[in-house]
């Protein structure tokens, strides 16, 4: 009986999220794209917008992230775009993996189009746009940091990586705040990086190297390290904060000791911590 009640509760929760976060379509790059959008009740005009990107093979399902509840508490819109399928038949964001070489979908353009559409239709802020993502969605955040830093007020990759190609091709002069949350035992997106492309995702630098790159680019002179308080049984989190950067830009890294490839098991409330960082850059 308890099992049946648990399943019923899960279905009810999913139905509630679907009702609160309807699916819409938008044509971009000649393709009909889809997204879900949650607007908290009584949302103020010119409210911030947070884009949440799913992982490789994932779906734009708000219940897998928990960002709706954070949006309700703090008063921002949250959008969950859906990635297209690659040659493997997997939904994804086109960030330049070797097996995406023949993928013509331009997801940077799609997100540009989506943000413009949402701003106009729902009177959202032009300046306070943020993006976070899990895994492949986190990788996309690094691509956006390189290609569109002027569009986003801050970026928050979770279990993402910065490829060697992004690092080499980055020519943008714009600083941008960035906050990575990553487990040291992540065996999908390796903490130590994969310069030899043994995983098949393309060569990428270690997580500390990626974070140090953005800290240096933002000209952050100070680096503070703290161990966050934790409850018994929780993962320990070491917070690296690079501060004092250009225009107040900071770069943070939450190093989850023993953490794996996860959005939820990070040692912190992922959504709340992301908004804590993003809210520093609301203008």
Protein backbone atom coordinates (compact mmCIF):
# COMPACT_ATOMS: atom_id res chain seq x y z
CA UNK A 1 0.00 0.00 0.00
CA UNK A 2 2.82 2.43 0.87
CA UNK A 3 4.44 1.70 -2.51
CA UNK A 4 1.19 2.47 -4.34
CA UNK A 5 0.75 5.71 -2.41
CA UNK A 6 4.36 6.69 -3.20
CA UNK A 7 3.84 6.11 -6.94
CA UNK A 8 0.57 8.06 -6.84
CA UNK A 9 2.35 10.94 -5.12
CA UNK A 10 5.08 10.96 -7.78
CA UNK A 11 2.50 11.11 -10.57
CA UNK A 12 0.60 13.88 -8.78
CA UNK A 13 3.82 15.88 -8.33
CA UNK A 14 4.74 15.48 -12.00
CA UNK A 15 1.24 16.52 -13.07
CA UNK A 16 1.45 19.59 -10.83
CA UNK A 17 4.80 20.62 -12.35
CA UNK A 18 3.42 20.12 -15.88
CA UNK A 19 0.44 22.31 -15.05
CA UNK A 20 2.65 25.01 -13.54
CA UNK A 21 5.17 24.79 -16.38
CA UNK A 22 3.33 24.56 -19.73
CA UNK A 23 5.10 23.59 -22.95
CA UNK A 24 5.41 26.13 -25.77
CA UNK A 25 6.96 26.20 -29.24
CA UNK A 26 9.25 28.68 -30.94
CA UNK A 27 10.68 28.59 -34.45
CA UNK A 28 14.43 29.15 -34.54
CA UNK A 29 16.90 28.41 -37.32
CA UNK A 30 14.14 26.87 -39.40
CA UNK A 31 13.30 24.34 -36.67
CA UNK A 32 10.26 24.16 -34.40
CA UNK A 33 11.79 24.18 -30.91
CA UNK A 34 10.02 23.57 -27.61
CA UNK A 35 10.43 24.87 -24.08
CA UNK A 36 8.65 24.96 -20.74
CA UNK A 37 8.14 28.16 -18.80
CA UNK A 38 7.27 28.77 -15.15
CA UNK A 39 6.02 32.21 -14.12
CA UNK A 40 5.46 32.50 -10.36
CA UNK A 41 2.10 33.93 -9.33
CA UNK A 42 2.22 37.71 -9.11
CA UNK A 43 5.58 37.93 -10.87
CA UNK A 44 6.68 41.56 -11.12
CA UNK A 45 7.31 43.25 -14.45
CA UNK A 46 10.98 43.29 -15.45
CA UNK A 47 11.65 40.17 -13.36
CA UNK A 48 14.87 38.15 -13.85
CA UNK A 49 14.92 35.08 -16.10
CA UNK A 50 16.82 31.86 -15.37
CA UNK A 51 17.40 29.37 -18.20
CA UNK A 52 17.87 25.73 -17.10
CA UNK A 53 19.49 23.30 -19.57
CA UNK A 54 19.11 19.53 -19.25
CA UNK A 55 21.90 17.00 -19.70
CA UNK A 56 22.79 14.72 -22.61
CA UNK A 57 19.82 12.53 -23.52
CA UNK A 58 17.66 14.47 -21.07
CA UNK A 59 14.33 16.25 -21.19
CA UNK A 60 13.10 19.67 -20.15
CA UNK A 61 11.35 18.36 -17.04
CA UNK A 62 11.18 20.91 -14.19
CA UNK A 63 10.62 18.27 -11.51
CA UNK A 64 14.14 16.95 -12.11
CA UNK A 65 15.67 20.27 -11.11
CA UNK A 66 13.49 21.86 -8.41
CA UNK A 67 14.04 25.36 -9.73
CA UNK A 68 10.31 26.22 -9.80
CA UNK A 69 10.17 26.29 -6.02
CA UNK A 70 13.24 28.52 -5.84
CA UNK A 71 11.68 30.83 -8.45
CA UNK A 72 8.49 31.07 -6.36
CA UNK A 73 10.47 31.99 -3.26
CA UNK A 74 12.63 34.63 -4.92
CA UNK A 75 10.49 36.01 -7.73
CA UNK A 76 12.03 35.11 -11.09
CA UNK A 77 10.86 33.36 -14.27
CA UNK A 78 12.43 30.01 -15.12
CA UNK A 79 12.57 28.45 -18.58
CA UNK A 80 13.46 24.87 -19.52
CA UNK A 81 14.38 24.63 -23.24
CA UNK A 82 14.43 21.26 -25.00
CA UNK A 83 17.53 20.14 -26.90
CA UNK A 84 17.30 18.53 -30.33
CA UNK A 85 18.46 15.01 -31.22
CA UNK A 86 21.93 14.31 -32.54
CA UNK A 87 23.10 11.57 -34.90
CA UNK A 88 22.94 9.08 -32.04
CA UNK A 89 19.28 9.90 -31.48
CA UNK A 90 20.03 11.60 -28.14
CA UNK A 91 18.62 14.96 -27.11
CA UNK A 92 21.45 17.37 -26.49
CA UNK A 93 23.01 20.81 -26.77
CA UNK A 94 25.42 21.26 -29.66
CA UNK A 95 28.66 22.20 -27.92
CA UNK A 96 31.08 20.68 -30.42
CA UNK A 97 31.58 17.11 -29.22
CA UNK A 98 33.44 15.09 -31.91
CA UNK A 99 30.31 13.09 -32.72
CA UNK A 100 28.34 16.32 -33.19
CA UNK A 101 30.48 17.37 -36.17
CA UNK A 102 27.60 16.91 -38.63
CA UNK A 103 24.98 18.49 -36.35
CA UNK A 104 23.68 21.70 -37.94
CA UNK A 105 21.60 22.87 -34.97
CA UNK A 106 22.78 26.24 -33.61
CA UNK A 107 21.80 26.22 -29.93
CA UNK A 108 23.54 29.52 -29.17
CA UNK A 109 21.20 31.16 -31.70
CA UNK A 110 18.20 29.26 -30.33
CA UNK A 111 18.81 30.58 -26.83
CA UNK A 112 19.27 34.10 -28.23
CA UNK A 113 15.92 33.83 -30.02
CA UNK A 114 14.24 32.32 -26.97
CA UNK A 115 15.44 35.06 -24.62
CA UNK A 116 14.29 37.82 -26.98
CA UNK A 117 10.90 36.13 -27.32
CA UNK A 118 10.42 35.70 -23.57
CA UNK A 119 11.49 39.26 -22.79
CA UNK A 120 8.99 40.69 -25.24
CA UNK A 121 6.07 38.38 -24.49
CA UNK A 122 6.33 38.39 -20.69
CA UNK A 123 8.04 41.75 -20.06
CA UNK A 124 11.04 40.18 -18.41
CA UNK A 125 14.30 41.95 -17.62
CA UNK A 126 16.67 42.73 -20.47
CA UNK A 127 19.69 42.77 -18.17
CA UNK A 128 19.00 40.03 -15.63
CA UNK A 129 19.23 36.84 -17.67
CA UNK A 130 21.02 33.85 -16.15
CA UNK A 131 21.74 30.34 -17.39
CA UNK A 132 22.54 27.12 -15.61
CA UNK A 133 22.72 23.55 -16.82
CA UNK A 134 23.53 20.00 -15.84
CA UNK A 135 26.32 18.02 -17.54
CA UNK A 136 25.90 18.72 -21.31
CA UNK A 137 23.84 21.73 -20.22
CA UNK A 138 26.78 22.80 -18.05
CA UNK A 139 29.11 22.41 -21.02
CA UNK A 140 26.76 24.71 -22.91
CA UNK A 141 27.22 27.32 -20.18
CA UNK A 142 30.95 27.40 -20.92
CA UNK A 143 30.22 27.84 -24.63
CA UNK A 144 27.88 30.73 -23.81
CA UNK A 145 30.55 32.31 -21.58
CA UNK A 146 32.79 32.39 -24.64
CA UNK A 147 30.22 33.26 -27.32
CA UNK A 148 27.59 35.38 -25.53
CA UNK A 149 28.98 36.89 -22.30
CA UNK A 150 27.16 40.16 -23.00
CA UNK A 151 23.78 38.35 -23.02
CA UNK A 152 23.97 36.76 -19.58
CA UNK A 153 24.43 38.41 -16.20
CA UNK A 154 26.02 35.21 -14.83
CA UNK A 155 26.35 31.51 -15.65
CA UNK A 156 26.15 28.43 -13.43
CA UNK A 157 27.37 25.11 -14.88
CA UNK A 158 26.76 22.01 -12.75
CA UNK A 159 28.94 18.95 -13.50
CA UNK A 160 29.98 20.63 -16.74
CA UNK A 161 33.32 20.98 -18.50
CA UNK A 162 35.15 23.49 -20.71
CA UNK A 163 36.56 21.89 -23.82
CA UNK A 164 40.04 22.63 -25.10
CA UNK A 165 38.39 23.95 -28.27
CA UNK A 166 36.34 26.51 -26.34
CA UNK A 167 39.42 27.59 -24.42
CA UNK A 168 41.50 28.00 -27.60
CA UNK A 169 38.79 29.81 -29.56
CA UNK A 170 37.69 32.22 -26.81
CA UNK A 171 38.31 35.76 -28.00
CA UNK A 172 35.65 37.64 -26.07
CA UNK A 173 36.88 40.61 -24.03
CA UNK A 174 33.77 40.63 -21.80
CA UNK A 175 34.08 39.45 -18.18
CA UNK A 176 31.27 37.27 -16.86
CA UNK A 177 30.56 35.82 -13.39
CA UNK A 178 30.60 32.01 -13.33
CA UNK A 179 29.80 29.42 -10.65
CA UNK A 180 30.61 25.72 -11.10
CA UNK A 181 29.36 22.96 -8.76
CA UNK A 182 31.24 19.71 -9.29
CA UNK A 183 31.92 16.40 -7.55
CA UNK A 184 35.49 15.17 -7.22
CA UNK A 185 34.39 11.59 -7.98
CA UNK A 186 32.35 12.46 -11.06
CA UNK A 187 33.19 9.68 -13.54
CA UNK A 188 31.19 11.19 -16.41
CA UNK A 189 32.67 14.68 -16.38
CA UNK A 190 36.03 14.07 -14.79
CA UNK A 191 37.25 16.48 -12.12
CA UNK A 192 40.79 15.99 -13.43
CA UNK A 193 39.75 16.60 -17.05
CA UNK A 194 40.33 14.44 -20.13
CA UNK A 195 43.01 15.97 -22.33
CA UNK A 196 43.42 12.73 -24.31
CA UNK A 197 39.69 12.43 -25.11
CA UNK A 198 39.49 8.96 -23.63
CA UNK A 199 35.79 9.45 -22.85
CA UNK A 200 34.86 10.45 -26.40
CA UNK A 201 33.41 13.85 -25.46
CA UNK A 202 36.40 15.72 -26.85
CA UNK A 203 39.44 16.94 -24.96
CA UNK A 204 38.67 19.09 -21.94
CA UNK A 205 40.64 20.70 -19.14
CA UNK A 206 40.32 19.91 -15.44
CA UNK A 207 37.59 21.65 -13.48
CA UNK A 208 40.05 23.74 -11.40
CA UNK A 209 41.83 24.78 -14.62
CA UNK A 210 38.55 25.89 -16.22
CA UNK A 211 37.55 27.87 -13.14
CA UNK A 212 41.02 29.45 -12.86
CA UNK A 213 40.78 30.48 -16.52
CA UNK A 214 37.57 32.45 -15.92
CA UNK A 215 38.90 33.88 -12.67
CA UNK A 216 41.97 35.15 -14.52
CA UNK A 217 39.86 36.48 -17.38
CA UNK A 218 37.69 38.36 -14.87
CA UNK A 219 40.91 39.65 -13.25
CA UNK A 220 39.98 38.36 -9.80
CA UNK A 221 42.97 39.04 -7.52
CA UNK A 222 41.69 37.27 -4.41
CA UNK A 223 41.08 33.55 -3.80
CA UNK A 224 39.35 32.46 -0.60
CA UNK A 225 38.80 28.82 0.38
CA UNK A 226 36.19 27.77 2.95
CA UNK A 227 34.72 24.45 4.03
CA UNK A 228 30.96 24.85 4.16
CA UNK A 229 29.10 23.61 7.24
CA UNK A 230 27.41 20.26 6.68
CA UNK A 231 25.00 17.97 8.46
CA UNK A 232 25.95 14.40 9.46
CA UNK A 233 25.88 12.17 6.39
CA UNK A 234 26.07 15.04 3.89
CA UNK A 235 28.89 15.46 1.41
CA UNK A 236 31.57 17.95 2.36
CA UNK A 237 31.80 21.01 0.14
CA UNK A 238 34.90 23.16 -0.25
CA UNK A 239 34.01 26.61 -1.57
CA UNK A 240 36.57 28.38 -3.74
CA UNK A 241 35.67 32.03 -4.28
CA UNK A 242 37.65 34.27 -6.62
CA UNK A 243 36.69 37.87 -5.92
CA UNK A 244 37.48 41.50 -6.72
CA UNK A 245 37.17 41.05 -10.47
CA UNK A 246 36.30 43.49 -13.25
CA UNK A 247 32.94 45.20 -12.68
CA UNK A 248 32.49 43.14 -9.50
CA UNK A 249 32.61 39.81 -11.35
CA UNK A 250 33.37 36.79 -9.19
CA UNK A 251 34.04 33.15 -10.02
CA UNK A 252 33.02 30.42 -7.59
CA UNK A 253 33.71 26.69 -7.46
CA UNK A 254 31.96 24.35 -5.04
CA UNK A 255 34.15 21.28 -4.82
CA UNK A 256 31.94 18.45 -3.57
CA UNK A 257 34.33 15.99 -1.97
CA UNK A 258 33.41 12.47 -3.10
CA UNK A 259 30.48 13.80 -5.10
CA UNK A 260 29.42 12.05 -8.29
CA UNK A 261 27.64 13.20 -11.49
CA UNK A 262 24.56 14.76 -9.96
CA UNK A 263 22.37 17.87 -9.76
CA UNK A 264 20.81 16.96 -6.41
CA UNK A 265 23.57 15.19 -4.46
CA UNK A 266 26.02 18.06 -4.36
CA UNK A 267 26.24 18.66 -0.60
CA UNK A 268 24.16 21.84 -0.95
CA UNK A 269 20.72 22.94 -2.11
CA UNK A 270 21.81 23.37 -5.73
CA UNK A 271 18.98 25.66 -6.83
CA UNK A 272 19.22 27.92 -3.79
CA UNK A 273 22.99 28.21 -4.08
CA UNK A 274 22.76 29.01 -7.78
CA UNK A 275 20.24 31.77 -7.12
CA UNK A 276 22.36 33.03 -4.22
CA UNK A 277 25.16 33.55 -6.73
CA UNK A 278 22.96 34.88 -9.54
CA UNK A 279 21.17 37.36 -7.27
CA UNK A 280 24.48 39.13 -6.65
CA UNK A 281 24.30 40.30 -10.27
CA UNK A 282 20.69 41.44 -10.49
CA UNK A 283 20.74 45.04 -11.68
